[in-house]
Amino acid sequence: MAKAAKETFFLVSSEGTGFFYTNRKNKKKGKGENKLKVRKYDPVARKHVLFEDKKLSKLKKKYVAAAEAKSE
């Protein structure tokens, strides 16, 4: 049997701290599903905040660019 195609995405803090959780979901079962929004603990902000899902590739580019800008 073949493995189910799974998509990896980030749950990004709405506080803008840069903290994120990673999660995976089945692509085939989630057709037309809304974006996931979960209230979880952000250790940088030290409180519970809303986390929203973002795709891995778009977010990775954003944080790599931000990290390069900070190092300069």
N, C-alpha and C. Protein backbone atom coordinates (compact mmCIF):
# COMPACT_ATOMS: atom_id res chain seq x y z
N MET A 1 0.83 -1.18 0.00
CA MET A 1 0.00 0.00 0.00
C MET A 1 0.88 1.25 0.00
N ALA A 2 0.40 2.24 -0.68
CA ALA A 2 1.13 3.51 -0.75
C ALA A 2 0.81 4.38 0.47
N LYS A 3 1.77 5.20 0.84
CA LYS A 3 1.55 6.11 1.96
C LYS A 3 0.67 7.28 1.51
N ALA A 4 -0.11 7.79 2.42
CA ALA A 4 -0.96 8.94 2.11
C ALA A 4 -0.10 10.18 1.95
N ALA A 5 -0.44 11.01 1.00
CA ALA A 5 0.30 12.25 0.79
C ALA A 5 -0.02 13.21 1.92
N LYS A 6 1.00 13.63 2.64
CA LYS A 6 0.79 14.55 3.76
C LYS A 6 1.48 15.86 3.47
N GLU A 7 0.86 16.92 3.93
CA GLU A 7 1.37 18.26 3.73
C GLU A 7 1.85 18.81 5.07
N THR A 8 3.06 19.38 5.09
CA THR A 8 3.58 19.98 6.31
C THR A 8 3.32 21.47 6.26
N PHE A 9 2.88 22.01 7.39
CA PHE A 9 2.63 23.45 7.47
C PHE A 9 3.00 23.95 8.84
N PHE A 10 3.17 25.25 8.96
CA PHE A 10 3.51 25.89 10.23
C PHE A 10 2.26 26.47 10.86
N LEU A 11 2.19 26.40 12.18
CA LEU A 11 1.21 27.15 12.95
C LEU A 11 1.98 28.34 13.51
N VAL A 12 1.73 29.53 12.97
CA VAL A 12 2.51 30.72 13.30
C VAL A 12 1.76 31.60 14.30
N SER A 13 2.50 32.12 15.26
CA SER A 13 1.93 32.98 16.30
C SER A 13 1.40 34.27 15.70
N SER A 14 0.23 34.70 16.13
CA SER A 14 -0.36 35.95 15.65
C SER A 14 0.27 37.15 16.36
N GLU A 15 1.05 36.92 17.42
CA GLU A 15 1.73 37.99 18.14
C GLU A 15 2.92 38.53 17.34
N GLY A 16 3.38 37.79 16.36
CA GLY A 16 4.51 38.25 15.55
C GLY A 16 5.85 37.99 16.21
N THR A 17 5.92 37.03 17.15
CA THR A 17 7.16 36.73 17.84
C THR A 17 8.08 35.85 17.01
N GLY A 18 7.56 35.22 15.96
CA GLY A 18 8.36 34.33 15.13
C GLY A 18 8.31 32.89 15.60
N PHE A 19 7.65 32.62 16.72
CA PHE A 19 7.53 31.26 17.23
C PHE A 19 6.48 30.51 16.42
N PHE A 20 6.73 29.22 16.16
CA PHE A 20 5.79 28.43 15.38
C PHE A 20 5.82 26.98 15.82
N TYR A 21 4.73 26.27 15.57
CA TYR A 21 4.63 24.83 15.72
C TYR A 21 4.55 24.26 14.32
N THR A 22 5.01 23.02 14.13
CA THR A 22 4.84 22.36 12.84
C THR A 22 3.75 21.31 12.98
N ASN A 23 3.06 21.06 11.89
CA ASN A 23 1.97 20.10 11.89
C ASN A 23 1.87 19.49 10.50
N ARG A 24 1.29 18.30 10.42
CA ARG A 24 1.07 17.64 9.13
C ARG A 24 -0.39 17.23 9.02
N LYS A 25 -0.91 17.32 7.80
CA LYS A 25 -2.29 16.87 7.59
C LYS A 25 -2.38 16.16 6.24
N ASN A 26 -3.35 15.30 6.13
CA ASN A 26 -3.58 14.52 4.93
C ASN A 26 -4.18 15.42 3.86
N LYS A 27 -3.54 15.51 2.70
CA LYS A 27 -4.03 16.35 1.61
C LYS A 27 -5.37 15.87 1.07
N LYS A 28 -5.54 14.56 0.98
CA LYS A 28 -6.75 14.00 0.37
C LYS A 28 -7.99 14.22 1.21
N LYS A 29 -7.86 14.20 2.53
CA LYS A 29 -9.03 14.34 3.40
C LYS A 29 -9.42 15.80 3.62
N GLY A 30 -8.53 16.73 3.40
CA GLY A 30 -8.79 18.12 3.73
C GLY A 30 -9.18 18.99 2.56
N LYS A 31 -9.84 18.44 1.57
CA LYS A 31 -10.25 19.24 0.40
C LYS A 31 -11.26 20.30 0.80
N GLY A 32 -10.98 21.56 0.48
CA GLY A 32 -11.91 22.65 0.76
C GLY A 32 -11.99 23.02 2.23
N GLU A 33 -11.05 22.53 3.01
CA GLU A 33 -11.08 22.79 4.45
C GLU A 33 -10.56 24.20 4.73
N ASN A 34 -11.13 24.85 5.72
CA ASN A 34 -10.66 26.18 6.11
C ASN A 34 -9.31 26.10 6.78
N LYS A 35 -8.64 27.23 6.87
CA LYS A 35 -7.35 27.30 7.54
C LYS A 35 -7.53 26.99 9.02
N LEU A 36 -6.55 26.29 9.58
CA LEU A 36 -6.60 25.92 10.98
C LEU A 36 -6.20 27.10 11.86
N LYS A 37 -7.00 27.39 12.86
CA LYS A 37 -6.70 28.43 13.84
C LYS A 37 -6.83 27.80 15.22
N VAL A 38 -5.74 27.83 15.99
CA VAL A 38 -5.71 27.18 17.29
C VAL A 38 -5.11 28.13 18.31
N ARG A 39 -5.64 28.08 19.52
CA ARG A 39 -5.08 28.86 20.62
C ARG A 39 -4.09 27.98 21.36
N LYS A 40 -2.79 28.36 21.29
CA LYS A 40 -1.73 27.58 21.93
C LYS A 40 -0.81 28.52 22.69
N TYR A 41 0.11 27.93 23.44
CA TYR A 41 1.04 28.71 24.26
C TYR A 41 2.22 29.19 23.42
N ASP A 42 2.53 30.47 23.51
CA ASP A 42 3.69 31.07 22.87
C ASP A 42 4.72 31.38 23.96
N PRO A 43 5.82 30.62 24.04
CA PRO A 43 6.79 30.83 25.11
C PRO A 43 7.55 32.15 24.99
N VAL A 44 7.63 32.72 23.81
CA VAL A 44 8.30 34.01 23.63
C VAL A 44 7.46 35.12 24.25
N ALA A 45 6.15 35.11 23.97
CA ALA A 45 5.23 36.10 24.53
C ALA A 45 4.79 35.72 25.94
N ARG A 46 5.02 34.46 26.32
CA ARG A 46 4.66 33.91 27.62
C ARG A 46 3.16 34.03 27.93
N LYS A 47 2.36 33.70 26.91
CA LYS A 47 0.91 33.65 27.09
C LYS A 47 0.29 32.84 25.96
N HIS A 48 -0.98 32.51 26.10
CA HIS A 48 -1.69 31.79 25.05
C HIS A 48 -2.15 32.79 24.00
N VAL A 49 -1.87 32.48 22.74
CA VAL A 49 -2.26 33.35 21.62
C VAL A 49 -2.83 32.49 20.50
N LEU A 50 -3.39 33.13 19.51
CA LEU A 50 -3.95 32.45 18.35
C LEU A 50 -2.83 32.09 17.37
N PHE A 51 -2.80 30.84 16.94
CA PHE A 51 -1.85 30.38 15.94
C PHE A 51 -2.63 30.04 14.68
N GLU A 52 -2.15 30.51 13.51
CA GLU A 52 -2.81 30.25 12.24
C GLU A 52 -1.87 29.47 11.33
N ASP A 53 -2.44 28.60 10.49
CA ASP A 53 -1.57 27.79 9.65
C ASP A 53 -1.10 28.55 8.40
N LYS A 54 0.14 28.30 8.06
CA LYS A 54 0.77 28.86 6.87
C LYS A 54 1.51 27.74 6.18
N LYS A 55 1.66 27.81 4.87
CA LYS A 55 2.39 26.79 4.14
C LYS A 55 3.88 26.90 4.44
N LEU A 56 4.56 25.78 4.39
CA LEU A 56 5.96 25.71 4.75
C LEU A 56 6.85 26.53 3.84
N SER A 57 6.67 26.45 2.54
CA SER A 57 7.58 27.11 1.60
C SER A 57 7.50 28.64 1.69
N LYS A 58 6.30 29.20 1.75
CA LYS A 58 6.15 30.66 1.82
C LYS A 58 6.73 31.21 3.12
N LEU A 59 6.45 30.53 4.21
CA LEU A 59 6.90 31.00 5.51
C LEU A 59 8.41 30.86 5.65
N LYS A 60 8.96 29.79 5.11
CA LYS A 60 10.40 29.57 5.20
C LYS A 60 11.14 30.72 4.51
N LYS A 61 10.68 31.15 3.35
CA LYS A 61 11.31 32.26 2.63
C LYS A 61 11.25 33.54 3.45
N LYS A 62 10.11 33.78 4.09
CA LYS A 62 9.92 35.00 4.88
C LYS A 62 10.89 35.04 6.06
N TYR A 63 11.00 33.93 6.80
CA TYR A 63 11.85 33.92 7.99
C TYR A 63 13.33 33.88 7.64
N VAL A 64 13.69 33.28 6.52
CA VAL A 64 15.08 33.29 6.08
C VAL A 64 15.48 34.71 5.71
N ALA A 65 14.61 35.43 5.01
CA ALA A 65 14.90 36.83 4.64
C ALA A 65 14.99 37.71 5.89
N ALA A 66 14.12 37.48 6.86
CA ALA A 66 14.14 38.27 8.09
C ALA A 66 15.40 37.99 8.90
N ALA A 67 15.84 36.74 8.94
CA ALA A 67 17.05 36.38 9.68
C ALA A 67 18.29 37.00 9.03
N GLU A 68 18.32 37.03 7.70
CA GLU A 68 19.45 37.64 6.99
C GLU A 68 19.49 39.15 7.23
N ALA A 69 18.34 39.78 7.27
CA ALA A 69 18.27 41.23 7.51
C ALA A 69 18.74 41.56 8.93
N LYS A 70 18.42 40.72 9.91
CA LYS A 70 18.85 40.95 11.28
C LYS A 70 20.36 40.77 11.45
N SER A 71 20.94 39.82 10.69
CA SER A 71 22.36 39.54 10.85
C SER A 71 23.24 40.64 10.22
N GLU A 72 22.69 41.44 9.34
CA GLU A 72 23.47 42.49 8.68
C GLU A 72 23.66 43.71 9.53
